[in-house]
Amino acid sequence: MPNIERLDNGIIYIKLPPFTSVDKKQSKKYADTLNHFLSQKEYQGIILDLSDNTGGNMIPMLIGLSSILPNGRLFSSVNKYNQRTSFDLSNNRIDNQETIALADPIHKKKVPVAVIMGKRTSSSGEVVGLSFKGLNDIRHFGQDSAGYTTGNVVFWLYDGAQINLTTSTLIDRQGKHYENDPLQPDTYSENPLRESKKWLKSKIN
């Protein structure tokens, strides 16, 4: 489950872990943990730490963060036929994906967000980081991500085995195309937590 801490100067620190369960109750619990805090508490800035987020199911991650993500396009995918699919957020729903009935109502908040990422940030963890690209008062800190920026589909075989096959590549809201390319931070740093705090304090003050 996400780990959330209050720091000084009205800053919230969120350690966002991977989520790999297919259980809907666990998915809801993950999203509710994030949304309950973000929609109810007062804060002036957020550090979103994706440095150990190796992926899994992106839906509870993104829906849980709905309070600090604007409704509308998060990113798009494009297949080999050049057909695009838009992944649009609408509070507790992402188009073409599952809906999570959150326990608390979503209250949209506009605060600066520092996103921490690194070489262990991969797959759906990268998608979360990518979903913040191009927004105002957002800055990414750390190192390049792992570079697993594609859309994958699980196909079940006749003997019960499964294969995870890449079927599309990703495009952020600024139009940048990712085909197993890493996300690059705005500020490269060996101490991204310190740099994130420094940047957020400058934005808050």
C-alpha atoms as a PDB file:
ATOM      1  CA  MET A   1       0.000   0.000   0.000  1.00  0.00           C
ATOM      2  CA  PRO A   2       1.120   3.609  -0.534  1.00  0.00           C
ATOM      3  CA  ASN A   3       3.134   5.195   2.253  1.00  0.00           C
ATOM      4  CA  ILE A   4       2.168   8.816   2.965  1.00  0.00           C
ATOM      5  CA  GLU A   5       4.019  11.186   5.282  1.00  0.00           C
ATOM      6  CA  ARG A   6       3.676  14.837   6.199  1.00  0.00           C
ATOM      7  CA  LEU A   7       6.884  16.829   5.873  1.00  0.00           C
ATOM      8  CA  ASP A   8       7.470  20.458   6.823  1.00  0.00           C
ATOM      9  CA  ASN A   9       6.270  23.510   4.855  1.00  0.00           C
ATOM     10  CA  GLY A  10       2.960  21.812   3.982  1.00  0.00           C
ATOM     11  CA  ILE A  11       4.642  19.177   1.819  1.00  0.00           C
ATOM     12  CA  ILE A  12       3.276  15.645   1.493  1.00  0.00           C
ATOM     13  CA  TYR A  13       5.591  12.745   0.650  1.00  0.00           C
ATOM     14  CA  ILE A  14       4.036   9.748  -1.122  1.00  0.00           C
ATOM     15  CA  LYS A  15       6.014   6.567  -1.673  1.00  0.00           C
ATOM     16  CA  LEU A  16       4.040   4.875  -4.437  1.00  0.00           C
ATOM     17  CA  PRO A  17       4.805   1.133  -4.605  1.00  0.00           C
ATOM     18  CA  PRO A  18       4.049  -1.209  -7.507  1.00  0.00           C
ATOM     19  CA  PHE A  19       0.647  -2.876  -7.553  1.00  0.00           C
ATOM     20  CA  THR A  20       0.537  -6.345  -9.106  1.00  0.00           C
ATOM     21  CA  SER A  21      -2.606  -7.872  -7.630  1.00  0.00           C
ATOM     22  CA  VAL A  22      -5.588  -8.723  -9.856  1.00  0.00           C
ATOM     23  CA  ASP A  23      -7.917  -8.740  -6.852  1.00  0.00           C
ATOM     24  CA  LYS A  24     -10.526  -5.959  -7.181  1.00  0.00           C
ATOM     25  CA  LYS A  25     -10.807  -5.476  -3.410  1.00  0.00           C
ATOM     26  CA  GLN A  26      -7.066  -4.911  -3.151  1.00  0.00           C
ATOM     27  CA  SER A  27      -7.189  -2.569  -6.150  1.00  0.00           C
ATOM     28  CA  LYS A  28      -9.903  -0.509  -4.453  1.00  0.00           C
ATOM     29  CA  LYS A  29      -7.996  -0.472  -1.149  1.00  0.00           C
ATOM     30  CA  TYR A  30      -4.867   0.835  -2.900  1.00  0.00           C
ATOM     31  CA  ALA A  31      -6.779   3.611  -4.684  1.00  0.00           C
ATOM     32  CA  ASP A  32      -8.816   4.477  -1.575  1.00  0.00           C
ATOM     33  CA  THR A  33      -5.662   4.847   0.539  1.00  0.00           C
ATOM     34  CA  LEU A  34      -4.354   7.502  -1.852  1.00  0.00           C
ATOM     35  CA  ASN A  35      -7.626   9.286  -2.508  1.00  0.00           C
ATOM     36  CA  HIS A  36      -8.713   9.426   1.128  1.00  0.00           C
ATOM     37  CA  PHE A  37      -5.620  11.384   2.078  1.00  0.00           C
ATOM     38  CA  LEU A  38      -5.284  13.544  -1.046  1.00  0.00           C
ATOM     39  CA  SER A  39      -8.942  14.546  -1.179  1.00  0.00           C
ATOM     40  CA  GLN A  40      -9.369  15.258   2.529  1.00  0.00           C
ATOM     41  CA  LYS A  41      -6.125  16.809   3.786  1.00  0.00           C
ATOM     42  CA  GLU A  42      -4.658  20.270   3.386  1.00  0.00           C
ATOM     43  CA  TYR A  43      -1.247  20.505   1.757  1.00  0.00           C
ATOM     44  CA  GLN A  44       0.717  22.876  -0.469  1.00  0.00           C
ATOM     45  CA  GLY A  45       2.978  20.558  -2.402  1.00  0.00           C
ATOM     46  CA  ILE A  46       3.594  16.861  -3.073  1.00  0.00           C
ATOM     47  CA  ILE A  47       6.620  14.652  -3.557  1.00  0.00           C
ATOM     48  CA  LEU A  48       5.544  11.589  -5.530  1.00  0.00           C
ATOM     49  CA  ASP A  49       8.275   8.971  -5.190  1.00  0.00           C
ATOM     50  CA  LEU A  50       8.216   6.419  -8.025  1.00  0.00           C
ATOM     51  CA  SER A  51      11.830   5.350  -7.573  1.00  0.00           C
ATOM     52  CA  ASP A  52      10.909   1.764  -6.579  1.00  0.00           C
ATOM     53  CA  ASN A  53       7.711   1.451  -8.586  1.00  0.00           C
ATOM     54  CA  THR A  54       8.348  -1.457 -10.952  1.00  0.00           C
ATOM     55  CA  GLY A  55       4.843  -1.432 -12.388  1.00  0.00           C
ATOM     56  CA  GLY A  56       1.855  -3.750 -12.434  1.00  0.00           C
ATOM     57  CA  ASN A  57      -1.684  -2.428 -12.677  1.00  0.00           C
ATOM     58  CA  MET A  58      -1.686   1.311 -13.376  1.00  0.00           C
ATOM     59  CA  ILE A  59      -5.423   1.822 -12.797  1.00  0.00           C
ATOM     60  CA  PRO A  60      -5.508   1.973  -8.957  1.00  0.00           C
ATOM     61  CA  MET A  61      -2.379   4.143  -9.031  1.00  0.00           C
ATOM     62  CA  LEU A  62      -3.827   6.730 -11.413  1.00  0.00           C
ATOM     63  CA  ILE A  63      -7.361   6.739 -10.009  1.00  0.00           C
ATOM     64  CA  GLY A  64      -5.954   7.047  -6.495  1.00  0.00           C
ATOM     65  CA  LEU A  65      -4.084  10.153  -7.675  1.00  0.00           C
ATOM     66  CA  SER A  66      -7.192  11.684  -9.308  1.00  0.00           C
ATOM     67  CA  SER A  67      -7.217  14.632  -6.895  1.00  0.00           C
ATOM     68  CA  ILE A  68      -3.905  15.936  -8.282  1.00  0.00           C
ATOM     69  CA  LEU A  69      -4.391  14.938 -11.930  1.00  0.00           C
ATOM     70  CA  PRO A  70      -6.696  16.976 -14.180  1.00  0.00           C
ATOM     71  CA  ASN A  71      -9.520  15.248 -15.957  1.00  0.00           C
ATOM     72  CA  GLY A  72      -8.842  14.624 -19.611  1.00  0.00           C
ATOM     73  CA  ARG A  73      -6.076  12.930 -21.555  1.00  0.00           C
ATOM     74  CA  LEU A  74      -3.299  11.349 -19.508  1.00  0.00           C
ATOM     75  CA  PHE A  75      -1.516   9.751 -22.462  1.00  0.00           C
ATOM     76  CA  SER A  76      -2.241   7.848 -25.667  1.00  0.00           C
ATOM     77  CA  SER A  77      -1.152   4.579 -27.206  1.00  0.00           C
ATOM     78  CA  VAL A  78      -0.649   3.785 -30.888  1.00  0.00           C
ATOM     79  CA  ASN A  79      -0.595   0.333 -32.485  1.00  0.00           C
ATOM     80  CA  LYS A  80       1.155  -0.950 -35.611  1.00  0.00           C
ATOM     81  CA  TYR A  81      -1.766   0.220 -37.754  1.00  0.00           C
ATOM     82  CA  ASN A  82      -1.239   3.767 -36.438  1.00  0.00           C
ATOM     83  CA  GLN A  83      -4.546   3.619 -34.578  1.00  0.00           C
ATOM     84  CA  ARG A  84      -4.527   5.753 -31.452  1.00  0.00           C
ATOM     85  CA  THR A  85      -6.278   5.083 -28.169  1.00  0.00           C
ATOM     86  CA  SER A  86      -6.614   7.918 -25.694  1.00  0.00           C
ATOM     87  CA  PHE A  87      -6.462   7.184 -21.977  1.00  0.00           C
ATOM     88  CA  ASP A  88      -8.627   9.903 -20.455  1.00  0.00           C
ATOM     89  CA  LEU A  89      -9.198  10.405 -16.749  1.00  0.00           C
ATOM     90  CA  SER A  90     -12.679  11.224 -15.511  1.00  0.00           C
ATOM     91  CA  ASN A  91     -12.439  11.278 -11.720  1.00  0.00           C
ATOM     92  CA  ASN A  92     -12.647   7.593 -10.748  1.00  0.00           C
ATOM     93  CA  ARG A  93     -12.615   6.209 -14.282  1.00  0.00           C
ATOM     94  CA  ILE A  94     -10.092   5.879 -17.086  1.00  0.00           C
ATOM     95  CA  ASP A  95     -11.699   5.431 -20.501  1.00  0.00           C
ATOM     96  CA  ASN A  96     -11.395   1.910 -21.950  1.00  0.00           C
ATOM     97  CA  GLN A  97     -10.303   0.638 -18.540  1.00  0.00           C
ATOM     98  CA  GLU A  98     -11.922  -0.372 -15.269  1.00  0.00           C
ATOM     99  CA  THR A  99     -13.755   1.981 -12.903  1.00  0.00           C
ATOM    100  CA  ILE A 100     -13.007   2.013  -9.185  1.00  0.00           C
ATOM    101  CA  ALA A 101     -15.814   3.140  -6.889  1.00  0.00           C
ATOM    102  CA  LEU A 102     -13.858   5.233  -4.409  1.00  0.00           C
ATOM    103  CA  ALA A 103     -15.037   5.463  -0.813  1.00  0.00           C
ATOM    104  CA  ASP A 104     -14.491   9.247  -0.634  1.00  0.00           C
ATOM    105  CA  PRO A 105     -15.435  11.894  -3.188  1.00  0.00           C
ATOM    106  CA  ILE A 106     -12.610  13.368  -5.242  1.00  0.00           C
ATOM    107  CA  HIS A 107     -11.662  16.991  -4.599  1.00  0.00           C
ATOM    108  CA  LYS A 108      -9.418  18.352  -7.341  1.00  0.00           C
ATOM    109  CA  LYS A 109      -6.430  20.323  -6.043  1.00  0.00           C
ATOM    110  CA  LYS A 110      -3.810  22.308  -7.936  1.00  0.00           C
ATOM    111  CA  VAL A 111      -0.503  22.073  -6.117  1.00  0.00           C
ATOM    112  CA  PRO A 112       3.084  21.699  -7.371  1.00  0.00           C
ATOM    113  CA  VAL A 113       4.190  18.082  -7.644  1.00  0.00           C
ATOM    114  CA  ALA A 114       7.771  16.822  -7.649  1.00  0.00           C
ATOM    115  CA  VAL A 115       8.042  13.359  -9.220  1.00  0.00           C
ATOM    116  CA  ILE A 116      11.037  11.236  -8.199  1.00  0.00           C
ATOM    117  CA  MET A 117      12.107   8.512 -10.617  1.00  0.00           C
ATOM    118  CA  GLY A 118      15.080   6.293 -11.380  1.00  0.00           C
ATOM    119  CA  LYS A 119      16.281   3.106 -13.056  1.00  0.00           C
ATOM    120  CA  ARG A 120      13.846   0.970 -11.016  1.00  0.00           C
ATOM    121  CA  THR A 121      10.881   3.051 -12.198  1.00  0.00           C
ATOM    122  CA  SER A 122       9.465   0.830 -14.913  1.00  0.00           C
ATOM    123  CA  SER A 123       6.390  -0.246 -16.851  1.00  0.00           C
ATOM    124  CA  SER A 124       3.243   1.130 -15.162  1.00  0.00           C
ATOM    125  CA  GLY A 125       5.450   3.086 -12.782  1.00  0.00           C
ATOM    126  CA  GLU A 126       6.748   4.912 -15.839  1.00  0.00           C
ATOM    127  CA  VAL A 127       3.193   5.432 -17.096  1.00  0.00           C
ATOM    128  CA  VAL A 128       2.303   7.206 -13.853  1.00  0.00           C
ATOM    129  CA  GLY A 129       5.323   9.487 -14.258  1.00  0.00           C
ATOM    130  CA  LEU A 130       4.443  10.060 -17.911  1.00  0.00           C
ATOM    131  CA  SER A 131       0.871  11.024 -16.943  1.00  0.00           C
ATOM    132  CA  PHE A 132       2.253  14.102 -15.154  1.00  0.00           C
ATOM    133  CA  LYS A 133       4.377  15.218 -18.120  1.00  0.00           C
ATOM    134  CA  GLY A 134       3.345  18.532 -19.646  1.00  0.00           C
ATOM    135  CA  LEU A 135       1.324  19.798 -16.671  1.00  0.00           C
ATOM    136  CA  ASN A 136       1.966  23.126 -14.976  1.00  0.00           C
ATOM    137  CA  ASP A 137       3.992  23.134 -11.748  1.00  0.00           C
ATOM    138  CA  ILE A 138       5.268  19.582 -12.266  1.00  0.00           C
ATOM    139  CA  ARG A 139       8.951  18.658 -12.221  1.00  0.00           C
ATOM    140  CA  HIS A 140      10.640  15.251 -12.483  1.00  0.00           C
ATOM    141  CA  PHE A 141      13.794  14.573 -10.463  1.00  0.00           C
ATOM    142  CA  GLY A 142      16.323  11.736 -10.342  1.00  0.00           C
ATOM    143  CA  GLN A 143      17.607   9.521 -13.129  1.00  0.00           C
ATOM    144  CA  ASP A 144      16.312   8.023 -16.371  1.00  0.00           C
ATOM    145  CA  SER A 145      13.621   5.395 -15.872  1.00  0.00           C
ATOM    146  CA  ALA A 146      14.004   1.751 -16.960  1.00  0.00           C
ATOM    147  CA  GLY A 147      12.576   2.269 -20.449  1.00  0.00           C
ATOM    148  CA  TYR A 148       9.654  -0.193 -20.533  1.00  0.00           C
ATOM    149  CA  THR A 149       7.318   2.366 -22.064  1.00  0.00           C
ATOM    150  CA  THR A 150       5.020   0.252 -24.204  1.00  0.00           C
ATOM    151  CA  GLY A 151       1.477  -1.058 -24.019  1.00  0.00           C
ATOM    152  CA  ASN A 152       1.253  -4.779 -23.351  1.00  0.00           C
ATOM    153  CA  VAL A 153      -1.568  -7.312 -23.543  1.00  0.00           C
ATOM    154  CA  VAL A 154      -1.660 -10.680 -21.766  1.00  0.00           C
ATOM    155  CA  PHE A 155      -2.622 -13.587 -24.045  1.00  0.00           C
ATOM    156  CA  TRP A 156      -3.569 -16.930 -22.498  1.00  0.00           C
ATOM    157  CA  LEU A 157      -2.343 -20.065 -24.259  1.00  0.00           C
ATOM    158  CA  TYR A 158      -4.209 -23.369 -24.553  1.00  0.00           C
ATOM    159  CA  ASP A 159      -2.118 -25.022 -21.824  1.00  0.00           C
ATOM    160  CA  GLY A 160      -2.801 -22.284 -19.278  1.00  0.00           C
ATOM    161  CA  ALA A 161       0.458 -20.449 -19.846  1.00  0.00           C
ATOM    162  CA  GLN A 162       0.381 -16.760 -20.640  1.00  0.00           C
ATOM    163  CA  ILE A 163       2.437 -14.444 -22.779  1.00  0.00           C
ATOM    164  CA  ASN A 164       2.787 -10.697 -22.244  1.00  0.00           C
ATOM    165  CA  LEU A 165       3.003  -9.203 -25.735  1.00  0.00           C
ATOM    166  CA  THR A 166       3.793  -5.608 -26.666  1.00  0.00           C
ATOM    167  CA  THR A 167       1.004  -4.299 -28.896  1.00  0.00           C
ATOM    168  CA  SER A 168       1.445  -0.518 -28.781  1.00  0.00           C
ATOM    169  CA  THR A 169       3.764   2.351 -27.957  1.00  0.00           C
ATOM    170  CA  LEU A 170       2.985   5.411 -25.857  1.00  0.00           C
ATOM    171  CA  ILE A 171       2.587   9.134 -26.517  1.00  0.00           C
ATOM    172  CA  ASP A 172       2.498  11.777 -23.786  1.00  0.00           C
ATOM    173  CA  ARG A 173       0.204  14.808 -23.773  1.00  0.00           C
ATOM    174  CA  GLN A 174       2.958  16.881 -25.411  1.00  0.00           C
ATOM    175  CA  GLY A 175       3.126  14.503 -28.356  1.00  0.00           C
ATOM    176  CA  LYS A 176       6.417  12.829 -27.461  1.00  0.00           C
ATOM    177  CA  HIS A 177       6.576   9.220 -28.618  1.00  0.00           C
ATOM    178  CA  TYR A 178       7.969   6.464 -26.347  1.00  0.00           C
ATOM    179  CA  GLU A 179       8.991   3.100 -27.753  1.00  0.00           C
ATOM    180  CA  ASN A 180      10.886   1.477 -24.906  1.00  0.00           C
ATOM    181  CA  ASP A 181      12.509   4.851 -24.326  1.00  0.00           C
ATOM    182  CA  PRO A 182      13.132   5.947 -20.739  1.00  0.00           C
ATOM    183  CA  LEU A 183      11.432   8.922 -19.163  1.00  0.00           C
ATOM    184  CA  GLN A 184      14.014  11.600 -18.577  1.00  0.00           C
ATOM    185  CA  PRO A 185      13.890  13.810 -15.489  1.00  0.00           C
ATOM    186  CA  ASP A 186      13.867  17.583 -15.739  1.00  0.00           C
ATOM    187  CA  THR A 187      16.590  17.651 -13.068  1.00  0.00           C
ATOM    188  CA  TYR A 188      19.183  14.892 -12.890  1.00  0.00           C
ATOM    189  CA  SER A 189      20.174  14.319  -9.293  1.00  0.00           C
ATOM    190  CA  GLU A 190      21.819  11.758  -7.015  1.00  0.00           C
ATOM    191  CA  ASN A 191      19.718  13.170  -4.175  1.00  0.00           C
ATOM    192  CA  PRO A 192      16.297  13.774  -5.767  1.00  0.00           C
ATOM    193  CA  LEU A 193      14.497  13.997  -2.425  1.00  0.00           C
ATOM    194  CA  ARG A 194      16.605  16.958  -1.355  1.00  0.00           C
ATOM    195  CA  GLU A 195      16.215  18.654  -4.748  1.00  0.00           C
ATOM    196  CA  SER A 196      12.453  18.012  -4.707  1.00  0.00           C
ATOM    197  CA  LYS A 197      12.067  19.645  -1.299  1.00  0.00           C
ATOM    198  CA  LYS A 198      14.133  22.625  -2.417  1.00  0.00           C
ATOM    199  CA  TRP A 199      12.055  23.122  -5.568  1.00  0.00           C
ATOM    200  CA  LEU A 200       8.720  22.740  -3.770  1.00  0.00           C
ATOM    201  CA  LYS A 201       9.710  25.224  -1.069  1.00  0.00           C
ATOM    202  CA  SER A 202      10.581  27.754  -3.778  1.00  0.00           C
ATOM    203  CA  LYS A 203       7.174  27.242  -5.399  1.00  0.00           C
ATOM    204  CA  ILE A 204       5.281  27.442  -2.122  1.00  0.00           C
ATOM    205  CA  ASN A 205       7.099  30.547  -0.891  1.00  0.00           C
END
